[in-house]
All heavy atoms as atom14 arrays in JSON, in Angstrom:
{
  "sequence": "ACCLLLISLSDSHADSDCSDVADRITHGGIVWTENAIFVQGTAAPN",
  "atom14_mask": [
    [1, 1, 1, 1, 1, 0, 0, 0, 0, 0, 0, 0, 0, 0],
    [1, 1, 1, 1, 1, 1, 0, 0, 0, 0, 0, 0, 0, 0],
    [1, 1, 1, 1, 1, 1, 0, 0, 0, 0, 0, 0, 0, 0],
    [1, 1, 1, 1, 1, 1, 1, 1, 0, 0, 0, 0, 0, 0],
    [1, 1, 1, 1, 1, 1, 1, 1, 0, 0, 0, 0, 0, 0],
    [1, 1, 1, 1, 1, 1, 1, 1, 0, 0, 0, 0, 0, 0],
    [1, 1, 1, 1, 1, 1, 1, 1, 0, 0, 0, 0, 0, 0],
    [1, 1, 1, 1, 1, 1, 0, 0, 0, 0, 0, 0, 0, 0],
    [1, 1, 1, 1, 1, 1, 1, 1, 0, 0, 0, 0, 0, 0],
    [1, 1, 1, 1, 1, 1, 0, 0, 0, 0, 0, 0, 0, 0],
    [1, 1, 1, 1, 1, 1, 1, 1, 0, 0, 0, 0, 0, 0],
    [1, 1, 1, 1, 1, 1, 0, 0, 0, 0, 0, 0, 0, 0],
    [1, 1, 1, 1, 1, 1, 1, 1, 1, 1, 0, 0, 0, 0],
    [1, 1, 1, 1, 1, 0, 0, 0, 0, 0, 0, 0, 0, 0],
    [1, 1, 1, 1, 1, 1, 1, 1, 0, 0, 0, 0, 0, 0],
    [1, 1, 1, 1, 1, 1, 0, 0, 0, 0, 0, 0, 0, 0],
    [1, 1, 1, 1, 1, 1, 1, 1, 0, 0, 0, 0, 0, 0],
    [1, 1, 1, 1, 1, 1, 0, 0, 0, 0, 0, 0, 0, 0],
    [1, 1, 1, 1, 1, 1, 0, 0, 0, 0, 0, 0, 0, 0],
    [1, 1, 1, 1, 1, 1, 1, 1, 0, 0, 0, 0, 0, 0],
    [1, 1, 1, 1, 1, 1, 1, 0, 0, 0, 0, 0, 0, 0],
    [1, 1, 1, 1, 1, 0, 0, 0, 0, 0, 0, 0, 0, 0],
    [1, 1, 1, 1, 1, 1, 1, 1, 0, 0, 0, 0, 0, 0],
    [1, 1, 1, 1, 1, 1, 1, 1, 1, 1, 1, 0, 0, 0],
    [1, 1, 1, 1, 1, 1, 1, 1, 0, 0, 0, 0, 0, 0],
    [1, 1, 1, 1, 1, 1, 1, 0, 0, 0, 0, 0, 0, 0],
    [1, 1, 1, 1, 1, 1, 1, 1, 1, 1, 0, 0, 0, 0],
    [1, 1, 1, 1, 0, 0, 0, 0, 0, 0, 0, 0, 0, 0],
    [1, 1, 1, 1, 0, 0, 0, 0, 0, 0, 0, 0, 0, 0],
    [1, 1, 1, 1, 1, 1, 1, 1, 0, 0, 0, 0, 0, 0],
    [1, 1, 1, 1, 1, 1, 1, 0, 0, 0, 0, 0, 0, 0],
    [1, 1, 1, 1, 1, 1, 1, 1, 1, 1, 1, 1, 1, 1],
    [1, 1, 1, 1, 1, 1, 1, 0, 0, 0, 0, 0, 0, 0],
    [1, 1, 1, 1, 1, 1, 1, 1, 1, 0, 0, 0, 0, 0],
    [1, 1, 1, 1, 1, 1, 1, 1, 0, 0, 0, 0, 0, 0],
    [1, 1, 1, 1, 1, 0, 0, 0, 0, 0, 0, 0, 0, 0],
    [1, 1, 1, 1, 1, 1, 1, 1, 0, 0, 0, 0, 0, 0],
    [1, 1, 1, 1, 1, 1, 1, 1, 1, 1, 1, 0, 0, 0],
    [1, 1, 1, 1, 1, 1, 1, 0, 0, 0, 0, 0, 0, 0],
    [1, 1, 1, 1, 1, 1, 1, 1, 1, 0, 0, 0, 0, 0],
    [1, 1, 1, 1, 0, 0, 0, 0, 0, 0, 0, 0, 0, 0],
    [1, 1, 1, 1, 1, 1, 1, 0, 0, 0, 0, 0, 0, 0],
    [1, 1, 1, 1, 1, 0, 0, 0, 0, 0, 0, 0, 0, 0],
    [1, 1, 1, 1, 1, 0, 0, 0, 0, 0, 0, 0, 0, 0],
    [1, 1, 1, 1, 1, 1, 1, 0, 0, 0, 0, 0, 0, 0],
    [1, 1, 1, 1, 1, 1, 1, 1, 0, 0, 0, 0, 0, 0]
  ],
  "atom14_positions": [
    [[0.84, -1.17, 0.0], [0.0, 0.0, 0.0], [0.89, 1.23, 0.0], [1.97, 1.2, 0.53], [-0.9, 0.01, 1.23], [0.0, 0.0, 0.0], [0.0, 0.0, 0.0], [0.0, 0.0, 0.0], [0.0, 0.0, 0.0], [0.0, 0.0, 0.0], [0.0, 0.0, 0.0], [0.0, 0.0, 0.0], [0.0, 0.0, 0.0], [0.0, 0.0, 0.0]],
    [[0.41, 2.27, -0.56], [1.2, 3.48, -0.59], [0.27, 4.65, -0.41], [-0.63, 4.84, -1.2], [1.93, 3.56, -1.91], [3.08, 4.91, -1.99], [0.0, 0.0, 0.0], [0.0, 0.0, 0.0], [0.0, 0.0, 0.0], [0.0, 0.0, 0.0], [0.0, 0.0, 0.0], [0.0, 0.0, 0.0], [0.0, 0.0, 0.0], [0.0, 0.0, 0.0]],
    [[0.42, 5.38, 0.66], [-0.4, 6.54, 0.85], [0.42, 7.71, 1.34], [1.5, 7.54, 1.81], [-1.45, 6.36, 1.77], [-2.2, 5.42, 2.71], [0.0, 0.0, 0.0], [0.0, 0.0, 0.0], [0.0, 0.0, 0.0], [0.0, 0.0, 0.0], [0.0, 0.0, 0.0], [0.0, 0.0, 0.0], [0.0, 0.0, 0.0], [0.0, 0.0, 0.0]],
    [[-0.15, 8.92, 1.21], [0.55, 10.1, 1.66], [0.14, 10.47, 3.07], [0.36, 11.58, 3.51], [0.25, 11.27, 0.7], [0.62, 10.99, -0.75], [0.22, 12.14, -1.64], [2.11, 10.72, -0.87], [0.0, 0.0, 0.0], [0.0, 0.0, 0.0], [0.0, 0.0, 0.0], [0.0, 0.0, 0.0], [0.0, 0.0, 0.0], [0.0, 0.0, 0.0]],
    [[-0.51, 9.59, 3.79], [-1.01, 9.88, 5.12], [-0.33, 9.0, 6.14], [-0.02, 7.85, 5.86], [-2.53, 9.62, 5.15], [-3.31, 10.41, 4.11], [-4.65, 9.79, 3.93], [-3.48, 11.83, 4.54], [0.0, 0.0, 0.0], [0.0, 0.0, 0.0], [0.0, 0.0, 0.0], [0.0, 0.0, 0.0], [0.0, 0.0, 0.0], [0.0, 0.0, 0.0]],
    [[-0.13, 9.51, 7.32], [0.42, 8.7, 8.41], [-0.73, 8.03, 9.13], [-1.64, 8.71, 9.6], [1.22, 9.58, 9.37], [2.51, 10.16, 8.78], [3.17, 11.09, 9.78], [3.46, 9.05, 8.4], [0.0, 0.0, 0.0], [0.0, 0.0, 0.0], [0.0, 0.0, 0.0], [0.0, 0.0, 0.0], [0.0, 0.0, 0.0], [0.0, 0.0, 0.0]],
    [[-0.68, 6.69, 9.19], [-1.77, 5.92, 9.77], [-1.22, 5.09, 10.92], [-0.11, 4.59, 10.86], [-2.39, 4.99, 8.7], [-2.84, 5.82, 7.51], [-3.53, 4.18, 9.27], [-3.25, 5.0, 6.33], [0.0, 0.0, 0.0], [0.0, 0.0, 0.0], [0.0, 0.0, 0.0], [0.0, 0.0, 0.0], [0.0, 0.0, 0.0], [0.0, 0.0, 0.0]],
    [[-2.02, 4.91, 11.95], [-1.6, 4.07, 13.07], [-1.45, 2.64, 12.6], [-2.36, 2.07, 12.01], [-2.64, 4.16, 14.18], [-2.3, 3.27, 15.2], [0.0, 0.0, 0.0], [0.0, 0.0, 0.0], [0.0, 0.0, 0.0], [0.0, 0.0, 0.0], [0.0, 0.0, 0.0], [0.0, 0.0, 0.0], [0.0, 0.0, 0.0], [0.0, 0.0, 0.0]],
    [[-0.27, 2.05, 12.84], [0.04, 0.74, 12.3], [0.21, -0.29, 13.4], [0.77, -0.02, 14.44], [1.34, 0.81, 11.49], [1.34, 1.84, 10.36], [2.7, 1.9, 9.72], [0.3, 1.51, 9.33], [0.0, 0.0, 0.0], [0.0, 0.0, 0.0], [0.0, 0.0, 0.0], [0.0, 0.0, 0.0], [0.0, 0.0, 0.0], [0.0, 0.0, 0.0]],
    [[-0.25, -1.53, 13.13], [-0.07, -2.61, 14.1], [1.13, -3.44, 13.72], [1.6, -3.38, 12.6], [-1.31, -3.51, 14.13], [-1.43, -4.19, 12.91], [0.0, 0.0, 0.0], [0.0, 0.0, 0.0], [0.0, 0.0, 0.0], [0.0, 0.0, 0.0], [0.0, 0.0, 0.0], [0.0, 0.0, 0.0], [0.0, 0.0, 0.0], [0.0, 0.0, 0.0]],
    [[1.63, -4.24, 14.65], [2.83, -5.05, 14.44], [2.5, -6.52, 14.61], [3.32, -7.31, 15.04], [3.9, -4.64, 15.45], [5.29, -4.96, 14.94], [5.45, -5.11, 13.73], [6.21, -5.06, 15.77], [0.0, 0.0, 0.0], [0.0, 0.0, 0.0], [0.0, 0.0, 0.0], [0.0, 0.0, 0.0], [0.0, 0.0, 0.0], [0.0, 0.0, 0.0]],
    [[1.28, -6.9, 14.24], [0.79, -8.24, 14.56], [1.48, -9.35, 13.81], [1.45, -10.49, 14.22], [-0.72, -8.32, 14.29], [-0.98, -8.0, 12.93], [0.0, 0.0, 0.0], [0.0, 0.0, 0.0], [0.0, 0.0, 0.0], [0.0, 0.0, 0.0], [0.0, 0.0, 0.0], [0.0, 0.0, 0.0], [0.0, 0.0, 0.0], [0.0, 0.0, 0.0]],
    [[2.14, -9.03, 12.67], [2.77, -10.08, 11.87], [4.28, -10.06, 11.96], [4.95, -10.75, 11.22], [2.34, -9.95, 10.41], [0.86, -10.08, 10.23], [0.2, -11.28, 10.32], [-0.08, -9.15, 9.99], [-1.09, -11.08, 10.13], [-1.28, -9.81, 9.93], [0.0, 0.0, 0.0], [0.0, 0.0, 0.0], [0.0, 0.0, 0.0], [0.0, 0.0, 0.0]],
    [[4.83, -9.27, 12.87], [6.29, -9.12, 12.93], [6.97, -10.41, 13.36], [8.11, -10.65, 13.01], [6.65, -7.99, 13.89], [0.0, 0.0, 0.0], [0.0, 0.0, 0.0], [0.0, 0.0, 0.0], [0.0, 0.0, 0.0], [0.0, 0.0, 0.0], [0.0, 0.0, 0.0], [0.0, 0.0, 0.0], [0.0, 0.0, 0.0], [0.0, 0.0, 0.0]],
    [[6.29, -11.24, 14.14], [6.93, -12.43, 14.68], [6.46, -13.7, 13.99], [6.47, -14.77, 14.57], [6.66, -12.53, 16.19], [7.24, -11.33, 16.94], [8.34, -10.9, 16.56], [6.59, -10.85, 17.87], [0.0, 0.0, 0.0], [0.0, 0.0, 0.0], [0.0, 0.0, 0.0], [0.0, 0.0, 0.0], [0.0, 0.0, 0.0], [0.0, 0.0, 0.0]],
    [[6.0, -13.6, 12.76], [5.52, -14.77, 12.04], [6.65, -15.78, 11.86], [7.81, -15.42, 11.71], [4.98, -14.35, 10.67], [4.72, -15.48, 9.87], [0.0, 0.0, 0.0], [0.0, 0.0, 0.0], [0.0, 0.0, 0.0], [0.0, 0.0, 0.0], [0.0, 0.0, 0.0], [0.0, 0.0, 0.0], [0.0, 0.0, 0.0], [0.0, 0.0, 0.0]],
    [[6.3, -17.06, 11.85], [7.32, -18.09, 11.74], [7.91, -18.18, 10.34], [8.82, -18.96, 10.11], [6.75, -19.46, 12.15], [5.58, -19.88, 11.28], [5.14, -19.06, 10.44], [5.1, -21.02, 11.43], [0.0, 0.0, 0.0], [0.0, 0.0, 0.0], [0.0, 0.0, 0.0], [0.0, 0.0, 0.0], [0.0, 0.0, 0.0], [0.0, 0.0, 0.0]],
    [[7.41, -17.41, 9.38], [7.99, -17.42, 8.04], [8.63, -16.08, 7.7], [8.94, -15.82, 6.54], [6.94, -17.79, 6.99], [5.47, -16.73, 6.99], [0.0, 0.0, 0.0], [0.0, 0.0, 0.0], [0.0, 0.0, 0.0], [0.0, 0.0, 0.0], [0.0, 0.0, 0.0], [0.0, 0.0, 0.0], [0.0, 0.0, 0.0], [0.0, 0.0, 0.0]],
    [[8.82, -15.22, 8.7], [9.38, -13.9, 8.42], [10.82, -13.96, 7.93], [11.26, -13.12, 7.17], [9.3, -13.02, 9.68], [10.02, -13.6, 10.74], [0.0, 0.0, 0.0], [0.0, 0.0, 0.0], [0.0, 0.0, 0.0], [0.0, 0.0, 0.0], [0.0, 0.0, 0.0], [0.0, 0.0, 0.0], [0.0, 0.0, 0.0], [0.0, 0.0, 0.0]],
    [[11.59, -15.0, 8.37], [12.97, -15.09, 7.92], [13.04, -15.42, 6.44], [13.94, -14.96, 5.73], [13.71, -16.16, 8.73], [13.05, -17.51, 8.66], [11.82, -17.56, 8.48], [13.76, -18.54, 8.79], [0.0, 0.0, 0.0], [0.0, 0.0, 0.0], [0.0, 0.0, 0.0], [0.0, 0.0, 0.0], [0.0, 0.0, 0.0], [0.0, 0.0, 0.0]],
    [[12.1, -16.23, 5.94], [12.04, -16.52, 4.51], [11.58, -15.29, 3.74], [12.06, -15.0, 2.65], [11.1, -17.71, 4.23], [11.04, -18.02, 2.74], [11.56, -18.93, 5.0], [0.0, 0.0, 0.0], [0.0, 0.0, 0.0], [0.0, 0.0, 0.0], [0.0, 0.0, 0.0], [0.0, 0.0, 0.0], [0.0, 0.0, 0.0], [0.0, 0.0, 0.0]],
    [[10.64, -14.56, 4.32], [10.1, -13.38, 3.65], [11.19, -12.35, 3.36], [11.1, -11.61, 2.37], [9.0, -12.76, 4.51], [0.0, 0.0, 0.0], [0.0, 0.0, 0.0], [0.0, 0.0, 0.0], [0.0, 0.0, 0.0], [0.0, 0.0, 0.0], [0.0, 0.0, 0.0], [0.0, 0.0, 0.0], [0.0, 0.0, 0.0], [0.0, 0.0, 0.0]],
    [[12.22, -12.31, 4.19], [13.31, -11.36, 3.96], [14.04, -11.62, 2.66], [14.7, -10.73, 2.12], [14.32, -11.43, 5.12], [13.74, -10.87, 6.41], [12.83, -10.03, 6.33], [14.2, -11.27, 7.49], [0.0, 0.0, 0.0], [0.0, 0.0, 0.0], [0.0, 0.0, 0.0], [0.0, 0.0, 0.0], [0.0, 0.0, 0.0], [0.0, 0.0, 0.0]],
    [[13.95, -12.85, 2.13], [14.68, -13.2, 0.92], [13.79, -13.19, -0.32], [14.25, -13.52, -1.41], [15.31, -14.59, 1.08], [16.21, -14.73, 2.29], [17.03, -16.0, 2.25], [16.22, -17.19, 2.28], [15.85, -17.83, 3.39], [16.21, -17.33, 4.57], [15.13, -18.93, 3.34], [0.0, 0.0, 0.0], [0.0, 0.0, 0.0], [0.0, 0.0, 0.0]],
    [[12.52, -12.85, -0.17], [11.58, -12.87, -1.3], [11.54, -11.49, -1.95], [11.3, -10.48, -1.29], [10.17, -13.25, -0.83], [10.18, -14.63, -0.17], [9.19, -13.22, -1.99], [10.6, -15.75, -1.09], [0.0, 0.0, 0.0], [0.0, 0.0, 0.0], [0.0, 0.0, 0.0], [0.0, 0.0, 0.0], [0.0, 0.0, 0.0], [0.0, 0.0, 0.0]],
    [[11.8, -11.44, -3.25], [11.71, -10.18, -3.98], [10.48, -10.12, -4.88], [9.93, -9.07, -5.11], [12.96, -9.97, -4.84], [13.14, -11.1, -5.72], [14.2, -9.83, -3.98], [0.0, 0.0, 0.0], [0.0, 0.0, 0.0], [0.0, 0.0, 0.0], [0.0, 0.0, 0.0], [0.0, 0.0, 0.0], [0.0, 0.0, 0.0], [0.0, 0.0, 0.0]],
    [[10.03, -11.25, -5.38], [8.82, -11.27, -6.2], [7.92, -12.42, -5.78], [6.82, -12.21, -5.3], [9.17, -11.39, -7.69], [7.95, -11.49, -8.56], [7.08, -10.44, -8.73], [7.45, -12.53, -9.29], [6.08, -10.83, -9.54], [6.29, -12.08, -9.88], [0.0, 0.0, 0.0], [0.0, 0.0, 0.0], [0.0, 0.0, 0.0], [0.0, 0.0, 0.0]],
    [[8.41, -13.64, -5.91], [7.62, -14.79, -5.48], [8.05, -16.06, -6.15], [8.74, -16.05, -7.18], [0.0, 0.0, 0.0], [0.0, 0.0, 0.0], [0.0, 0.0, 0.0], [0.0, 0.0, 0.0], [0.0, 0.0, 0.0], [0.0, 0.0, 0.0], [0.0, 0.0, 0.0], [0.0, 0.0, 0.0], [0.0, 0.0, 0.0], [0.0, 0.0, 0.0]],
    [[7.66, -17.18, -5.58], [7.99, -18.48, -6.14], [7.84, -19.57, -5.1], [7.37, -19.33, -3.98], [0.0, 0.0, 0.0], [0.0, 0.0, 0.0], [0.0, 0.0, 0.0], [0.0, 0.0, 0.0], [0.0, 0.0, 0.0], [0.0, 0.0, 0.0], [0.0, 0.0, 0.0], [0.0, 0.0, 0.0], [0.0, 0.0, 0.0], [0.0, 0.0, 0.0]],
    [[8.24, -20.78, -5.47], [8.17, -21.93, -4.57], [9.45, -22.03, -3.76], [10.55, -21.96, -4.32], [7.97, -23.23, -5.36], [6.74, -23.13, -6.28], [7.83, -24.43, -4.43], [6.61, -24.29, -7.24], [0.0, 0.0, 0.0], [0.0, 0.0, 0.0], [0.0, 0.0, 0.0], [0.0, 0.0, 0.0], [0.0, 0.0, 0.0], [0.0, 0.0, 0.0]],
    [[9.32, -22.18, -2.46], [10.46, -22.47, -1.59], [10.26, -23.9, -1.1], [9.47, -24.15, -0.18], [10.55, -21.48, -0.41], [11.76, -21.81, 0.47], [10.65, -20.05, -0.93], [0.0, 0.0, 0.0], [0.0, 0.0, 0.0], [0.0, 0.0, 0.0], [0.0, 0.0, 0.0], [0.0, 0.0, 0.0], [0.0, 0.0, 0.0], [0.0, 0.0, 0.0]],
    [[10.95, -24.84, -1.72], [10.7, -26.25, -1.44], [11.11, -26.66, -0.04], [10.52, -27.56, 0.55], [11.4, -27.13, -2.48], [10.72, -27.11, -3.8], [11.14, -26.47, -4.93], [9.48, -27.74, -4.15], [10.23, -26.66, -5.95], [9.22, -27.44, -5.5], [8.58, -28.54, -3.45], [8.08, -27.9, -6.17], [7.45, -29.0, -4.1], [7.21, -28.68, -5.45]],
    [[12.14, -26.02, 0.51], [12.54, -26.37, 1.87], [11.5, -25.93, 2.9], [11.52, -26.39, 4.04], [13.89, -25.73, 2.22], [13.83, -24.32, 1.97], [15.01, -26.34, 1.39], [0.0, 0.0, 0.0], [0.0, 0.0, 0.0], [0.0, 0.0, 0.0], [0.0, 0.0, 0.0], [0.0, 0.0, 0.0], [0.0, 0.0, 0.0], [0.0, 0.0, 0.0]],
    [[10.59, -25.06, 2.5], [9.48, -24.65, 3.36], [8.17, -25.28, 2.9], [7.13, -25.08, 3.54], [9.33, -23.12, 3.34], [10.54, -22.37, 3.86], [10.73, -22.55, 5.35], [9.73, -22.76, 6.06], [11.89, -22.5, 5.8], [0.0, 0.0, 0.0], [0.0, 0.0, 0.0], [0.0, 0.0, 0.0], [0.0, 0.0, 0.0], [0.0, 0.0, 0.0]],
    [[8.2, -26.01, 1.77], [7.01, -26.64, 1.2], [5.88, -25.63, 1.05], [4.73, -25.86, 1.45], [6.55, -27.82, 2.07], [5.57, -28.71, 1.34], [5.78, -29.03, 0.18], [4.49, -29.11, 2.0], [0.0, 0.0, 0.0], [0.0, 0.0, 0.0], [0.0, 0.0, 0.0], [0.0, 0.0, 0.0], [0.0, 0.0, 0.0], [0.0, 0.0, 0.0]],
    [[6.2, -24.49, 0.45], [5.2, -23.43, 0.34], [5.53, -22.49, -0.81], [6.65, -22.47, -1.33], [5.12, -22.64, 1.65], [0.0, 0.0, 0.0], [0.0, 0.0, 0.0], [0.0, 0.0, 0.0], [0.0, 0.0, 0.0], [0.0, 0.0, 0.0], [0.0, 0.0, 0.0], [0.0, 0.0, 0.0], [0.0, 0.0, 0.0], [0.0, 0.0, 0.0]],
    [[4.51, -21.73, -1.2], [4.66, -20.66, -2.19], [4.71, -19.34, -1.43], [3.9, -19.09, -0.53], [3.49, -20.65, -3.18], [3.5, -21.91, -4.04], [3.53, -19.41, -4.07], [2.27, -22.06, -4.88], [0.0, 0.0, 0.0], [0.0, 0.0, 0.0], [0.0, 0.0, 0.0], [0.0, 0.0, 0.0], [0.0, 0.0, 0.0], [0.0, 0.0, 0.0]],
    [[5.65, -18.48, -1.79], [5.75, -17.16, -1.21], [5.59, -16.13, -2.34], [6.23, -16.25, -3.38], [7.09, -16.95, -0.52], [7.27, -17.77, 0.73], [7.66, -19.09, 0.66], [7.03, -17.21, 1.97], [7.82, -19.85, 1.81], [7.19, -17.96, 3.13], [7.58, -19.28, 3.06], [0.0, 0.0, 0.0], [0.0, 0.0, 0.0], [0.0, 0.0, 0.0]],
    [[4.75, -15.14, -2.13], [4.57, -14.09, -3.14], [4.53, -12.73, -2.45], [4.12, -12.61, -1.3], [3.29, -14.27, -3.97], [3.37, -15.5, -4.84], [2.06, -14.31, -3.08], [0.0, 0.0, 0.0], [0.0, 0.0, 0.0], [0.0, 0.0, 0.0], [0.0, 0.0, 0.0], [0.0, 0.0, 0.0], [0.0, 0.0, 0.0], [0.0, 0.0, 0.0]],
    [[4.98, -11.73, -3.18], [4.9, -10.36, -2.71], [3.97, -9.6, -3.64], [4.25, -9.45, -4.83], [6.28, -9.7, -2.69], [6.25, -8.24, -2.25], [7.64, -7.67, -2.09], [8.42, -8.13, -1.29], [7.96, -6.66, -2.89], [0.0, 0.0, 0.0], [0.0, 0.0, 0.0], [0.0, 0.0, 0.0], [0.0, 0.0, 0.0], [0.0, 0.0, 0.0]],
    [[2.84, -9.17, -3.13], [1.88, -8.43, -3.94], [2.13, -6.93, -3.86], [2.79, -6.44, -2.96], [0.0, 0.0, 0.0], [0.0, 0.0, 0.0], [0.0, 0.0, 0.0], [0.0, 0.0, 0.0], [0.0, 0.0, 0.0], [0.0, 0.0, 0.0], [0.0, 0.0, 0.0], [0.0, 0.0, 0.0], [0.0, 0.0, 0.0], [0.0, 0.0, 0.0]],
    [[1.57, -6.19, -4.81], [1.75, -4.74, -4.85], [0.45, -4.06, -5.21], [-0.37, -4.6, -5.96], [2.82, -4.33, -5.88], [2.39, -4.76, -7.17], [4.16, -4.92, -5.55], [0.0, 0.0, 0.0], [0.0, 0.0, 0.0], [0.0, 0.0, 0.0], [0.0, 0.0, 0.0], [0.0, 0.0, 0.0], [0.0, 0.0, 0.0], [0.0, 0.0, 0.0]],
    [[0.27, -2.86, -4.68], [-0.88, -2.03, -5.06], [-0.59, -0.61, -4.59], [0.1, -0.41, -3.6], [-2.18, -2.54, -4.45], [0.0, 0.0, 0.0], [0.0, 0.0, 0.0], [0.0, 0.0, 0.0], [0.0, 0.0, 0.0], [0.0, 0.0, 0.0], [0.0, 0.0, 0.0], [0.0, 0.0, 0.0], [0.0, 0.0, 0.0], [0.0, 0.0, 0.0]],
    [[-1.14, 0.36, -5.3], [-0.98, 1.76, -4.92], [-2.36, 2.38, -4.75], [-3.31, 1.99, -5.44], [-0.19, 2.51, -5.98], [0.0, 0.0, 0.0], [0.0, 0.0, 0.0], [0.0, 0.0, 0.0], [0.0, 0.0, 0.0], [0.0, 0.0, 0.0], [0.0, 0.0, 0.0], [0.0, 0.0, 0.0], [0.0, 0.0, 0.0], [0.0, 0.0, 0.0]],
    [[-2.51, 3.32, -3.85], [-3.83, 3.93, -3.63], [-4.23, 4.83, -4.78], [-3.39, 5.42, -5.46], [-3.63, 4.73, -2.35], [-2.18, 5.08, -2.35], [-1.49, 3.89, -2.97], [0.0, 0.0, 0.0], [0.0, 0.0, 0.0], [0.0, 0.0, 0.0], [0.0, 0.0, 0.0], [0.0, 0.0, 0.0], [0.0, 0.0, 0.0], [0.0, 0.0, 0.0]],
    [[-5.52, 4.93, -5.0], [-6.06, 5.82, -6.01], [-6.41, 7.15, -5.35], [-7.39, 7.25, -4.61], [-7.3, 5.2, -6.65], [-7.87, 6.06, -7.76], [-7.34, 7.14, -8.05], [-8.94, 5.6, -8.37], [0.0, 0.0, 0.0], [0.0, 0.0, 0.0], [0.0, 0.0, 0.0], [0.0, 0.0, 0.0], [0.0, 0.0, 0.0], [0.0, 0.0, 0.0]]
  ]
}
């Protein structure tokens, strides 16, 4: 998301058990050692 406004943000996903893998994802694909698909989505506000 991309906005020009400062919004109160939560940190509920900071400690996810897949956050270490997420650090290495630039677009998306299969990570077989995790037996999962990881994707990074994008969108901009209108």
